[in-house]
Protein backbone atom coordinates (compact mmCIF):
# COMPACT_ATOMS: atom_id res chain seq x y z
CA LEU A 1 -82.38 4.55 53.89
CA ARG A 2 -79.74 4.14 51.21
CA LEU A 3 -77.60 1.90 53.21
CA LEU A 4 -80.38 -0.06 54.13
CA SER A 5 -81.27 -0.53 50.57
CA LEU A 6 -77.86 -1.38 49.40
CA ALA A 7 -77.80 -4.01 52.24
CA LEU A 8 -80.98 -5.49 50.87
CA VAL A 9 -79.52 -5.75 47.28
CA CYS A 10 -76.39 -7.12 48.54
CA ALA A 11 -78.38 -9.79 50.59
CA VAL A 12 -80.23 -11.12 47.47
CA LEU A 13 -77.16 -11.18 45.43
CA LEU A 14 -75.26 -13.26 47.74
CA GLN A 15 -78.43 -15.45 48.25
CA VAL A 16 -78.22 -16.18 44.72
CA LEU A 17 -74.53 -16.96 45.02
CA ALA A 18 -74.95 -19.16 47.82
CA ALA A 19 -77.65 -21.09 46.19
CA ALA A 20 -75.20 -21.55 43.10
CA PHE A 21 -72.19 -22.51 45.17
CA GLY A 22 -73.85 -23.89 48.18
CA GLY A 23 -71.51 -26.80 49.20
CA SER A 24 -68.25 -24.89 48.80
CA LEU A 25 -66.42 -22.44 50.91
CA LEU A 26 -67.41 -19.62 48.61
CA GLY A 27 -71.24 -20.44 49.07
CA ARG A 28 -70.45 -20.71 52.75
CA THR A 29 -68.80 -17.36 52.47
CA CYS A 30 -71.88 -15.80 50.63
CA GLN A 31 -74.10 -17.27 53.59
CA LEU A 32 -72.16 -15.72 56.31
CA ALA A 33 -71.95 -12.22 54.51
CA MET A 34 -75.71 -12.27 54.30
CA ILE A 35 -76.14 -12.86 57.85
CA TRP A 36 -73.64 -10.23 58.90
CA ALA A 37 -74.78 -7.60 56.47
CA PRO A 38 -77.53 -6.12 59.03
CA ALA A 39 -74.88 -6.58 62.05
CA VAL A 40 -72.28 -4.46 60.12
CA LEU A 41 -74.84 -1.72 59.50
CA VAL A 42 -76.53 -1.41 62.82
CA ARG A 43 -73.32 -2.58 65.00
CA THR A 44 -75.30 -3.05 68.34
CA PRO A 45 -74.30 -5.90 70.69
CA GLU A 46 -77.91 -7.57 70.24
CA ALA A 47 -77.40 -7.52 66.31
CA ILE A 48 -73.81 -8.81 66.55
CA VAL A 49 -75.00 -11.68 69.08
CA GLN A 50 -77.78 -12.38 66.53
CA ALA A 51 -75.50 -12.75 63.69
CA LEU A 52 -73.21 -15.02 65.72
CA GLU A 53 -75.97 -17.26 66.68
CA SER A 54 -77.47 -17.39 63.45
CA SER A 55 -73.74 -18.39 61.76
CA GLY A 56 -73.65 -21.65 63.63
CA PRO A 57 -71.74 -23.65 66.11
CA VAL A 58 -68.29 -22.66 65.28
CA PHE A 59 -69.32 -18.91 65.61
CA ILE A 60 -71.48 -19.44 68.87
CA LYS A 61 -68.24 -21.11 70.49
CA LEU A 62 -66.29 -18.28 69.44
CA ALA A 63 -68.67 -15.71 71.04
CA GLN A 64 -68.86 -17.96 74.26
CA TRP A 65 -64.82 -17.53 74.62
CA LEU A 66 -64.94 -13.99 73.43
CA SER A 67 -67.34 -13.27 76.01
CA THR A 68 -64.45 -13.71 78.63
CA ARG A 69 -62.33 -11.10 77.04
CA ARG A 70 -63.26 -7.91 78.45
CA ASP A 71 -59.61 -6.79 78.02
CA LEU A 72 -60.46 -6.64 74.39
CA LEU A 73 -64.07 -6.09 74.00
CA SER A 74 -67.01 -3.67 75.44
CA ALA A 75 -68.64 -4.94 78.75
CA GLU A 76 -71.93 -4.46 76.92
CA LEU A 77 -70.85 -6.94 73.94
CA CYS A 78 -69.63 -9.54 76.55
CA ASP A 79 -72.53 -9.51 78.55
CA ALA A 80 -74.69 -10.12 75.44
CA MET A 81 -72.29 -12.87 74.20
CA GLY A 82 -72.20 -14.35 77.58
CA GLN A 83 -75.87 -15.23 77.10
CA LEU A 84 -75.07 -17.82 74.44
CA HIS A 85 -73.26 -20.05 77.18
CA GLU A 86 -76.90 -21.28 77.83
CA ARG A 87 -79.41 -19.37 75.76
CA VAL A 88 -79.40 -20.91 72.24
CA GLN A 89 -82.02 -21.05 69.96
CA LEU A 90 -83.59 -24.43 70.21
CA ASP A 91 -85.39 -26.05 66.94
CA SER A 92 -86.54 -29.70 67.84
CA MET A 93 -86.56 -31.64 64.87
CA PRO A 94 -88.37 -35.09 64.82
CA GLY A 95 -85.54 -36.78 62.78
CA ASP A 96 -83.24 -36.14 65.63
CA TRP A 97 -85.28 -37.85 68.30
CA LEU A 98 -86.33 -40.47 65.94
CA PHE A 99 -82.65 -41.31 65.20
CA ALA A 100 -82.00 -41.61 68.78
CA GLU A 101 -84.81 -44.21 69.23
CA GLN A 102 -83.78 -46.20 66.25
CA THR A 103 -80.28 -46.28 67.75
CA VAL A 104 -80.66 -47.28 71.15
CA PRO A 105 -83.14 -50.29 71.79
CA GLY A 106 -85.58 -49.65 74.43
CA LEU A 107 -85.50 -45.90 74.45
CA ARG A 108 -88.39 -43.73 74.54
CA VAL A 109 -87.38 -39.81 73.81
CA GLY A 110 -89.45 -37.31 75.69
CA GLU A 111 -89.71 -33.66 76.12
CA LEU A 112 -86.88 -31.29 75.00
CA LEU A 113 -84.87 -30.00 78.19
CA GLY A 114 -82.26 -27.74 76.33
CA GLY A 115 -79.26 -27.73 74.12
CA GLY A 116 -76.62 -26.05 72.57
CA CYS A 117 -75.18 -25.15 69.12
CA ILE A 118 -74.22 -28.80 68.64
CA ALA A 119 -76.63 -30.98 70.31
CA GLN A 120 -79.85 -31.13 72.07
CA VAL A 121 -80.98 -32.83 75.21
CA PHE A 122 -84.25 -34.70 75.88
CA THR A 123 -85.90 -36.50 78.74
CA GLY A 124 -86.17 -40.24 77.91
CA GLU A 125 -87.21 -43.34 79.47
CA LEU A 126 -84.67 -46.32 78.93
CA SER A 127 -85.66 -49.97 79.27
CA VAL A 128 -83.12 -51.87 81.29
CA GLN A 129 -82.71 -55.38 82.83
CA GLY A 130 -85.64 -56.71 84.59
CA GLY A 131 -88.25 -55.16 82.48
CA THR A 132 -88.15 -51.99 84.56
CA THR A 133 -87.57 -48.29 83.02
CA ARG A 134 -85.15 -45.59 84.00
CA GLN A 135 -85.54 -41.93 83.43
CA VAL A 136 -82.45 -40.88 81.59
CA ALA A 137 -81.06 -37.74 79.59
CA VAL A 138 -80.63 -38.12 75.90
CA LYS A 139 -78.36 -35.93 74.06
CA VAL A 140 -78.45 -35.93 70.06
CA ARG A 141 -76.39 -34.35 67.81
CA ARG A 142 -77.85 -31.95 65.29
CA ARG A 143 -78.09 -33.15 62.01
CA GLY A 144 -75.23 -31.85 59.57
CA VAL A 145 -73.71 -29.94 62.24
CA SER A 146 -70.39 -31.97 61.74
CA THR A 147 -70.15 -31.09 58.22
CA LEU A 148 -70.84 -27.38 58.95
CA MET A 149 -68.18 -27.17 61.57
CA ARG A 150 -65.69 -28.52 59.33
CA THR A 151 -66.53 -26.11 56.42
CA ASP A 152 -66.51 -23.14 58.94
CA VAL A 153 -63.10 -24.35 60.51
CA ALA A 154 -61.55 -24.45 56.87
CA LEU A 155 -62.85 -21.08 56.30
CA LEU A 156 -61.44 -19.57 59.47
CA ARG A 157 -58.10 -21.13 58.69
CA TRP A 158 -58.28 -19.57 55.28
CA THR A 159 -59.03 -16.46 56.47
CA ALA A 160 -56.06 -16.40 59.13
CA TRP A 161 -53.80 -17.55 56.22
CA TRP A 162 -54.62 -14.57 54.17
CA ALA A 163 -54.46 -12.33 57.41
CA GLU A 164 -50.74 -13.17 58.05
CA TRP A 165 -49.78 -13.29 54.25
CA LEU A 166 -51.07 -9.77 53.86
CA ARG A 167 -49.73 -8.55 57.16
CA PRO A 168 -46.62 -10.63 58.11
CA ASP A 169 -46.40 -8.75 61.21
CA LEU A 170 -49.37 -10.61 62.77
CA GLN A 171 -47.38 -13.95 62.30
CA TRP A 172 -46.51 -13.83 65.95
CA LEU A 173 -50.19 -14.31 66.72
CA ALA A 174 -50.08 -17.70 65.18
CA MET A 175 -53.67 -17.67 63.96
CA GLU A 176 -53.45 -20.58 61.88
CA LEU A 177 -52.27 -22.79 64.83
CA ALA A 178 -54.85 -21.28 67.15
CA VAL A 179 -57.79 -22.08 64.32
CA ASP A 180 -56.26 -25.81 64.26
CA HIS A 181 -56.26 -26.24 68.03
CA PHE A 182 -59.78 -24.58 68.43
CA GLY A 183 -61.24 -26.70 65.56
CA GLU A 184 -59.75 -29.79 67.18
CA TYR A 185 -61.24 -29.39 70.57
CA LEU A 186 -64.60 -28.19 68.78
CA LEU A 187 -64.70 -31.27 66.77
CA GLN A 188 -64.37 -33.43 69.77
CA GLN A 189 -67.76 -32.07 70.93
CA ALA A 190 -69.18 -33.44 67.70
CA ASP A 191 -68.41 -36.93 68.55
CA LEU A 192 -70.51 -38.16 71.77
CA ARG A 193 -68.45 -41.14 72.25
CA ILE A 194 -65.58 -38.93 73.30
CA GLU A 195 -67.83 -37.29 75.80
CA ALA A 196 -68.87 -40.80 76.91
CA ALA A 197 -65.22 -41.77 77.52
CA ASN A 198 -64.35 -38.48 79.18
CA LEU A 199 -67.63 -38.77 81.70
CA LYS A 200 -66.60 -42.03 82.71
CA SER A 201 -62.72 -40.88 83.42
CA PHE A 202 -64.15 -38.33 85.70
CA ALA A 203 -66.34 -40.74 87.21
CA ARG A 204 -63.30 -42.83 88.11
CA ASN A 205 -61.43 -39.64 89.43
CA PHE A 206 -64.31 -38.49 91.92
CA ARG A 207 -65.61 -42.14 92.83
CA PHE A 208 -64.36 -41.48 96.43
CA VAL A 209 -65.75 -37.75 96.48
CA GLY A 210 -69.33 -37.75 97.84
CA SER A 211 -69.95 -34.03 96.95
CA VAL A 212 -69.19 -34.58 93.22
CA ARG A 213 -71.52 -36.54 90.85
CA ILE A 214 -70.61 -37.32 87.46
CA PRO A 215 -73.73 -38.61 85.26
CA ARG A 216 -73.69 -42.40 84.51
CA VAL A 217 -73.08 -43.08 80.91
CA PHE A 218 -75.56 -45.95 79.55
CA VAL A 219 -74.91 -45.64 75.95
CA GLY A 220 -72.42 -43.50 74.05
CA GLU A 221 -72.75 -43.41 70.33
CA GLU A 222 -71.40 -41.08 67.73
CA ARG A 223 -74.51 -38.98 67.53
CA VAL A 224 -76.39 -40.30 70.85
CA LEU A 225 -75.48 -40.16 74.44
CA VAL A 226 -77.77 -41.54 77.17
CA THR A 227 -76.84 -40.53 80.87
CA ASP A 228 -78.38 -40.15 84.15
CA ILE A 229 -80.21 -36.83 84.45
CA ALA A 230 -78.67 -33.99 86.08
CA LEU A 231 -80.18 -32.85 89.45
CA GLY A 232 -80.43 -29.27 90.95
CA VAL A 233 -80.17 -26.18 89.12
CA SER A 234 -77.39 -24.85 86.98
CA LEU A 235 -74.66 -22.73 88.74
CA SER A 236 -75.88 -19.70 86.91
CA GLU A 237 -79.26 -20.02 88.47
CA PHE A 238 -78.11 -20.93 92.09
CA VAL A 239 -76.18 -17.69 92.17
CA LYS A 240 -79.32 -15.67 91.32
CA GLN A 241 -81.27 -17.48 94.03
CA LYS A 242 -81.31 -16.73 97.94
CA HIS A 243 -79.20 -18.93 99.91
CA ASP A 244 -77.88 -18.64 103.49
CA ASP A 245 -74.13 -17.55 103.70
CA VAL A 246 -72.98 -20.89 104.94
CA VAL A 247 -74.64 -22.86 101.82
CA ARG A 248 -73.05 -20.52 99.28
CA LYS A 249 -69.71 -20.84 101.10
CA ALA A 250 -70.00 -24.82 101.22
CA VAL A 251 -70.94 -24.68 97.37
CA PHE A 252 -67.97 -22.55 96.42
CA GLU A 253 -65.56 -24.58 98.62
CA SER A 254 -66.52 -27.64 96.80
CA LEU A 255 -66.26 -26.10 93.40
CA THR A 256 -62.48 -24.90 94.55
CA ASP A 257 -61.66 -28.32 95.94
CA LEU A 258 -63.15 -29.98 92.72
CA MET A 259 -60.87 -27.70 90.31
CA ALA A 260 -57.80 -28.10 92.38
CA ARG A 261 -58.12 -31.91 92.16
CA MET A 262 -58.50 -31.76 88.60
CA ILE A 263 -55.46 -29.76 88.08
CA LEU A 264 -53.22 -30.82 90.93
CA ARG A 265 -54.09 -34.39 91.30
CA ASP A 266 -55.89 -35.89 88.34
CA ASN A 267 -54.26 -33.79 85.37
CA PHE A 268 -57.56 -34.06 83.63
CA ILE A 269 -59.65 -31.24 83.28
CA HIS A 270 -62.94 -30.24 82.28
CA GLY A 271 -62.58 -27.66 79.26
CA ASP A 272 -65.82 -26.26 79.25
CA LEU A 273 -66.81 -25.67 82.76
CA HIS A 274 -69.04 -22.44 82.60
CA PRO A 275 -71.88 -22.00 85.01
CA GLY A 276 -74.37 -23.64 82.76
CA ASN A 277 -72.50 -27.08 82.65
CA ILE A 278 -72.36 -27.11 86.66
CA PHE A 279 -75.44 -28.22 88.49
CA VAL A 280 -75.90 -27.60 92.28
CA SER A 281 -78.21 -29.64 94.66
CA THR A 282 -78.51 -28.78 98.23
CA GLY A 283 -80.34 -30.22 101.26
CA PRO A 284 -81.71 -28.24 104.39
CA LEU A 285 -79.22 -26.91 106.82
CA PHE A 286 -78.05 -29.23 109.66
CA ALA A 287 -78.76 -28.43 113.34
CA GLY A 288 -76.79 -25.50 114.48
CA GLY A 289 -76.50 -23.73 111.00
CA ARG A 290 -73.79 -26.25 109.78
CA ALA A 291 -73.52 -26.54 106.06
CA PRO A 292 -76.04 -28.85 104.23
CA GLN A 293 -75.53 -31.84 102.33
CA LEU A 294 -74.67 -30.72 98.62
CA GLU A 295 -74.04 -32.34 95.66
CA ILE A 296 -72.20 -30.79 92.53
CA THR A 297 -72.88 -32.56 89.11
CA LEU A 298 -70.63 -32.02 86.02
CA ILE A 299 -72.17 -32.25 82.34
CA ASP A 300 -71.09 -31.50 78.93
CA ALA A 301 -67.76 -32.99 79.13
CA GLY A 302 -67.01 -33.19 75.31
CA ILE A 303 -64.09 -30.88 75.83
CA SER A 304 -61.73 -32.31 78.43
CA ILE A 305 -57.96 -32.07 78.71
CA GLU A 306 -55.19 -34.31 79.49
CA MET A 307 -52.76 -31.91 81.04
CA SER A 308 -49.14 -32.51 79.92
CA SER A 309 -46.37 -32.35 82.24
CA ASN A 310 -45.61 -28.52 80.91
CA LEU A 311 -49.25 -27.56 81.49
CA THR A 312 -49.38 -29.33 84.87
CA ARG A 313 -46.14 -27.37 85.95
CA MET A 314 -47.41 -23.86 84.87
CA ALA A 315 -50.91 -24.60 86.57
CA ARG A 316 -49.09 -25.21 89.91
CA ASN A 317 -46.71 -22.40 89.54
CA SER A 318 -49.09 -19.69 88.45
CA MET A 319 -51.81 -20.92 91.29
CA ARG A 320 -48.86 -20.38 94.02
CA ALA A 321 -47.94 -17.27 92.49
CA ALA A 322 -51.43 -15.81 92.29
CA PHE A 323 -52.29 -17.05 96.06
CA ASN A 324 -48.99 -15.10 96.92
CA MET A 325 -49.77 -11.90 94.77
CA ASP A 326 -46.47 -12.59 93.07
CA ALA A 327 -46.94 -10.96 89.57
CA LEU A 328 -43.51 -11.69 88.09
CA GLY A 329 -44.03 -15.56 89.42
CA LEU A 330 -47.26 -15.65 87.54
CA GLY A 331 -45.79 -14.06 84.43
CA LYS A 332 -42.75 -16.43 84.33
CA ALA A 333 -44.89 -19.66 84.73
CA VAL A 334 -47.24 -18.44 81.67
CA VAL A 335 -44.09 -17.36 79.49
CA ARG A 336 -42.18 -20.57 80.40
CA LEU A 337 -45.06 -22.67 79.08
CA HIS A 338 -44.87 -21.04 75.66
CA VAL A 339 -41.26 -21.25 75.31
CA ASP A 340 -41.27 -25.01 76.39
CA GLU A 341 -44.06 -25.66 73.88
CA GLY A 342 -42.13 -23.91 71.23
CA LEU A 343 -44.54 -20.86 70.96
CA SER A 344 -42.18 -18.13 71.55
CA THR A 345 -40.26 -17.55 68.22
CA HIS A 346 -41.49 -14.22 67.63
CA GLY A 347 -40.89 -12.96 71.36
CA ARG A 348 -38.51 -10.00 71.41
CA ASP A 349 -38.20 -9.25 75.05
CA LEU A 350 -39.55 -12.02 77.14
CA ASP A 351 -38.14 -10.50 80.42
CA ARG A 352 -40.43 -7.68 80.05
CA LEU A 353 -43.21 -9.59 78.75
CA GLU A 354 -42.98 -11.77 82.18
CA HIS A 355 -43.31 -8.56 84.04
CA LYS A 356 -46.21 -6.74 82.07
CA LEU A 357 -47.92 -10.08 81.52
CA GLY A 358 -47.86 -11.16 85.37
CA TYR A 359 -49.33 -7.78 86.43
CA LEU A 360 -51.88 -7.64 83.81
CA LEU A 361 -53.27 -11.18 84.69
CA LEU A 362 -52.97 -10.69 88.49
CA ALA A 363 -54.98 -7.33 88.11
CA GLY A 364 -57.75 -9.18 85.71
CA GLY A 365 -57.86 -12.25 88.28
CA PHE A 366 -58.37 -9.99 91.19
CA MET A 367 -60.58 -7.26 89.39
CA CYS A 368 -58.19 -4.61 90.36
CA ASP A 369 -59.12 -1.02 89.11
CA GLU A 370 -56.01 0.53 88.98
CA ASP A 371 -54.26 1.12 85.58
CA ILE A 372 -51.58 -1.48 84.28
């Protein structure tokens, strides 16, 4: 009770400070401290995820990434944070869809389909040539989210600088550089013109692949994106449903081919390809139990990566090593990328790192239970 009372008093004081310094980093720091005070006291996965979700898009994206790091965090916390890939609190504001209708002539926004921490997606009708209408998906960036993201990225960078200044032995982590890269990719998602350009690039790359569908872009503005509606169900829902083995095999073979094409042929990859951003549509089985006609739709392409020659070489060498269960080859591929990119200045024993890292990645990739 004493701790709870102290937390409430601190929360009130922080709220006063946040009101006084609302637009500054100090004000944002006070707001975050107020949000995180209950989670620090309770320390349950649910409380931590609630704090992350309440903290805004930068922290939600961090949670989505951290949910994959079971080597660092507990399985319970990773599972809880993993829900933020698809379950983010939605609070549709009339101003958002009104802005979309004012920005795009002939657009009528309908029901809220879903959304994430940066934008929301609505159904809509778009008037096209000839006086007909077309059912579309309307993605609208939340108001104020871009400014909030820049503030939080600056706050994270300031925190990283202080951490390295206080603990020089942490410089090998290159935390400031990591925050800069994280912020760069995150801010790409705030400009929907970039997503529109990425979707058009994927459409060109997959134009001759019948099993892959990229939503057609009708309008791509900074805050509004209008595209075709994705058909089927998300991959996360598909794996929960009952399907014949031949259907599941066909879907996952198509996904494997899709990823291989991105990496090995096009050198342009979707950077946020979690199960919520992949939609699957399948037809009935053909005669003789043959695989059905299926369609894979990719959405939310705001983060997409044009692979450098170094990254392409690493991907090919690491994939070859993983398929051959060659731990040392896998470690060499990853370490060489960091050497070529100038990110190994703090490395002490790279030969030993290649060995250790290769076995760690191989064990994690194939979910081995033995100790490393």
